[in-house]
Amino acid sequence: MNLQIFCGVRSEIESKKVLTDDLGFHFLELTKLKDCATIDGELREWLNFFRHGHEEDYMVSGAYQAVADANSWFENFKANDYMSSKAFQRAKHLRDEAAIRKAG
């Protein structure tokens, strides 16, 4: 698949045809984030969710509905045995694939 991204998503067939320009990528390097104390508001809640959402004792403050909804969805996902199994299988496959590439 050769999908070109330049100021939006372009068609694979007609490279000059712009399908949408509503595309953005945001990369959060959470390992570089030392302390959230200087960050206020909803951004702080999202950062805490991304950093600690997988932990058993993590609790959402409830101040921001979008973060609470994301946490609720994540909790339901973790409780679903089928989806958890599929996620585990995919993660294992990706690790195995990376190990093969590194070895070869």
C-alpha atoms as a PDB file:
ATOM      1  CA  MET A   1       0.000   0.000   0.000  1.00  0.00           C
ATOM      2  CA  ASN A   2       1.504   3.275  -1.060  1.00  0.00           C
ATOM      3  CA  LEU A   3      -0.584   5.940   0.605  1.00  0.00           C
ATOM      4  CA  GLN A   4       0.870   9.392   0.249  1.00  0.00           C
ATOM      5  CA  ILE A   5       0.459  11.808   3.120  1.00  0.00           C
ATOM      6  CA  PHE A   6       1.260  15.420   2.420  1.00  0.00           C
ATOM      7  CA  CYS A   7      -1.073  18.091   3.759  1.00  0.00           C
ATOM      8  CA  GLY A   8      -3.773  15.449   4.004  1.00  0.00           C
ATOM      9  CA  VAL A   9      -4.550  11.954   2.824  1.00  0.00           C
ATOM     10  CA  ARG A  10      -4.344  11.424  -0.917  1.00  0.00           C
ATOM     11  CA  SER A  11      -5.898   8.731  -3.065  1.00  0.00           C
ATOM     12  CA  GLU A  12      -3.781   5.651  -3.866  1.00  0.00           C
ATOM     13  CA  ILE A  13      -5.094   5.635  -7.431  1.00  0.00           C
ATOM     14  CA  GLU A  14      -5.169   9.346  -8.207  1.00  0.00           C
ATOM     15  CA  SER A  15      -2.242  10.845  -6.295  1.00  0.00           C
ATOM     16  CA  LYS A  16      -3.349  14.400  -7.094  1.00  0.00           C
ATOM     17  CA  LYS A  17      -6.796  13.875  -5.545  1.00  0.00           C
ATOM     18  CA  VAL A  18      -6.930  14.951  -1.877  1.00  0.00           C
ATOM     19  CA  LEU A  19      -9.359  12.796   0.110  1.00  0.00           C
ATOM     20  CA  THR A  20      -9.161  14.820   3.293  1.00  0.00           C
ATOM     21  CA  ASP A  21      -6.949  17.352   4.987  1.00  0.00           C
ATOM     22  CA  ASP A  22      -8.239  16.472   8.468  1.00  0.00           C
ATOM     23  CA  LEU A  23      -5.282  14.429   9.575  1.00  0.00           C
ATOM     24  CA  GLY A  24      -2.846  14.986  12.358  1.00  0.00           C
ATOM     25  CA  PHE A  25      -0.329  12.859  14.179  1.00  0.00           C
ATOM     26  CA  HIS A  26       0.685  13.619  17.727  1.00  0.00           C
ATOM     27  CA  PHE A  27       3.518  11.718  19.352  1.00  0.00           C
ATOM     28  CA  LEU A  28       3.808  11.837  23.103  1.00  0.00           C
ATOM     29  CA  GLU A  29       7.159  10.684  24.453  1.00  0.00           C
ATOM     30  CA  LEU A  30       5.914   9.824  27.910  1.00  0.00           C
ATOM     31  CA  THR A  31       9.274   8.455  28.982  1.00  0.00           C
ATOM     32  CA  LYS A  32      10.675  11.981  28.679  1.00  0.00           C
ATOM     33  CA  LEU A  33       7.914  13.469  30.797  1.00  0.00           C
ATOM     34  CA  LYS A  34       9.363  13.684  34.286  1.00  0.00           C
ATOM     35  CA  ASP A  35       6.651  15.500  36.208  1.00  0.00           C
ATOM     36  CA  CYS A  36       3.105  16.571  35.409  1.00  0.00           C
ATOM     37  CA  ALA A  37       3.047  19.067  38.282  1.00  0.00           C
ATOM     38  CA  THR A  38       3.688  22.033  35.997  1.00  0.00           C
ATOM     39  CA  ILE A  39       0.865  21.043  33.612  1.00  0.00           C
ATOM     40  CA  ASP A  40      -2.725  21.939  34.494  1.00  0.00           C
ATOM     41  CA  GLY A  41      -6.156  20.971  33.333  1.00  0.00           C
ATOM     42  CA  GLU A  42      -7.322  18.394  30.845  1.00  0.00           C
ATOM     43  CA  LEU A  43      -3.866  17.842  29.325  1.00  0.00           C
ATOM     44  CA  ARG A  44      -2.597  16.715  32.731  1.00  0.00           C
ATOM     45  CA  GLU A  45      -5.511  14.267  33.046  1.00  0.00           C
ATOM     46  CA  TRP A  46      -4.782  12.800  29.584  1.00  0.00           C
ATOM     47  CA  LEU A  47      -1.067  12.456  30.340  1.00  0.00           C
ATOM     48  CA  ASN A  48      -1.833  10.701  33.613  1.00  0.00           C
ATOM     49  CA  PHE A  49      -4.268   8.387  31.799  1.00  0.00           C
ATOM     50  CA  PHE A  50      -1.684   7.494  29.144  1.00  0.00           C
ATOM     51  CA  ARG A  51       1.034   6.940  31.729  1.00  0.00           C
ATOM     52  CA  HIS A  52      -0.963   5.122  34.414  1.00  0.00           C
ATOM     53  CA  GLY A  53      -4.209   3.900  32.806  1.00  0.00           C
ATOM     54  CA  HIS A  54      -2.949   0.322  32.620  1.00  0.00           C
ATOM     55  CA  GLU A  55      -2.220   0.162  36.369  1.00  0.00           C
ATOM     56  CA  GLU A  56      -4.720  -1.644  38.583  1.00  0.00           C
ATOM     57  CA  ASP A  57      -5.095   1.184  41.118  1.00  0.00           C
ATOM     58  CA  TYR A  58      -5.434   4.012  38.551  1.00  0.00           C
ATOM     59  CA  MET A  59      -8.493   6.223  39.110  1.00  0.00           C
ATOM     60  CA  VAL A  60      -9.817   8.982  36.861  1.00  0.00           C
ATOM     61  CA  SER A  61     -10.638  12.200  38.689  1.00  0.00           C
ATOM     62  CA  GLY A  62     -13.877  12.560  36.720  1.00  0.00           C
ATOM     63  CA  ALA A  63     -13.300  16.259  36.115  1.00  0.00           C
ATOM     64  CA  TYR A  64     -13.032  15.736  32.349  1.00  0.00           C
ATOM     65  CA  GLN A  65     -15.679  13.611  30.641  1.00  0.00           C
ATOM     66  CA  ALA A  66     -13.536  12.636  27.644  1.00  0.00           C
ATOM     67  CA  VAL A  67     -10.844  11.144  29.907  1.00  0.00           C
ATOM     68  CA  ALA A  68     -13.477   9.357  31.995  1.00  0.00           C
ATOM     69  CA  ASP A  69     -15.062   7.935  28.810  1.00  0.00           C
ATOM     70  CA  ALA A  70     -11.681   6.741  27.536  1.00  0.00           C
ATOM     71  CA  ASN A  71     -10.954   5.080  30.884  1.00  0.00           C
ATOM     72  CA  SER A  72     -14.390   3.433  30.890  1.00  0.00           C
ATOM     73  CA  TRP A  73     -13.831   2.082  27.374  1.00  0.00           C
ATOM     74  CA  PHE A  74     -10.379   0.797  28.359  1.00  0.00           C
ATOM     75  CA  GLU A  75     -11.752  -0.938  31.463  1.00  0.00           C
ATOM     76  CA  ASN A  76     -14.467  -2.631  29.373  1.00  0.00           C
ATOM     77  CA  PHE A  77     -11.848  -3.671  26.831  1.00  0.00           C
ATOM     78  CA  LYS A  78      -9.665  -5.229  29.537  1.00  0.00           C
ATOM     79  CA  ALA A  79     -12.692  -7.061  30.972  1.00  0.00           C
ATOM     80  CA  ASN A  80     -13.565  -8.585  27.584  1.00  0.00           C
ATOM     81  CA  ASP A  81     -11.677 -11.899  27.479  1.00  0.00           C
ATOM     82  CA  TYR A  82     -11.892 -12.247  23.702  1.00  0.00           C
ATOM     83  CA  MET A  83     -10.548  -8.773  22.988  1.00  0.00           C
ATOM     84  CA  SER A  84      -7.826  -9.102  25.635  1.00  0.00           C
ATOM     85  CA  SER A  85      -6.750 -12.394  24.090  1.00  0.00           C
ATOM     86  CA  LYS A  86      -6.636 -10.845  20.604  1.00  0.00           C
ATOM     87  CA  ALA A  87      -4.602  -7.884  21.895  1.00  0.00           C
ATOM     88  CA  PHE A  88      -2.171 -10.261  23.622  1.00  0.00           C
ATOM     89  CA  GLN A  89      -1.819 -12.361  20.460  1.00  0.00           C
ATOM     90  CA  ARG A  90      -1.145  -9.266  18.352  1.00  0.00           C
ATOM     91  CA  ALA A  91       1.455  -7.931  20.795  1.00  0.00           C
ATOM     92  CA  LYS A  92       3.166 -11.344  20.843  1.00  0.00           C
ATOM     93  CA  HIS A  93       3.165 -11.480  17.042  1.00  0.00           C
ATOM     94  CA  LEU A  94       4.721  -8.006  16.811  1.00  0.00           C
ATOM     95  CA  ARG A  95       7.421  -8.934  19.347  1.00  0.00           C
ATOM     96  CA  ASP A  96       8.190 -12.178  17.495  1.00  0.00           C
ATOM     97  CA  GLU A  97       8.340 -10.337  14.169  1.00  0.00           C
ATOM     98  CA  ALA A  98      10.732  -7.732  15.612  1.00  0.00           C
ATOM     99  CA  ALA A  99      12.957 -10.483  17.056  1.00  0.00           C
ATOM    100  CA  ILE A 100      13.107 -12.246  13.670  1.00  0.00           C
ATOM    101  CA  ARG A 101      14.014  -8.993  11.906  1.00  0.00           C
ATOM    102  CA  LYS A 102      16.715  -8.249  14.491  1.00  0.00           C
ATOM    103  CA  ALA A 103      18.181 -11.755  14.232  1.00  0.00           C
ATOM    104  CA  GLY A 104      18.118 -11.838  10.412  1.00  0.00           C
END
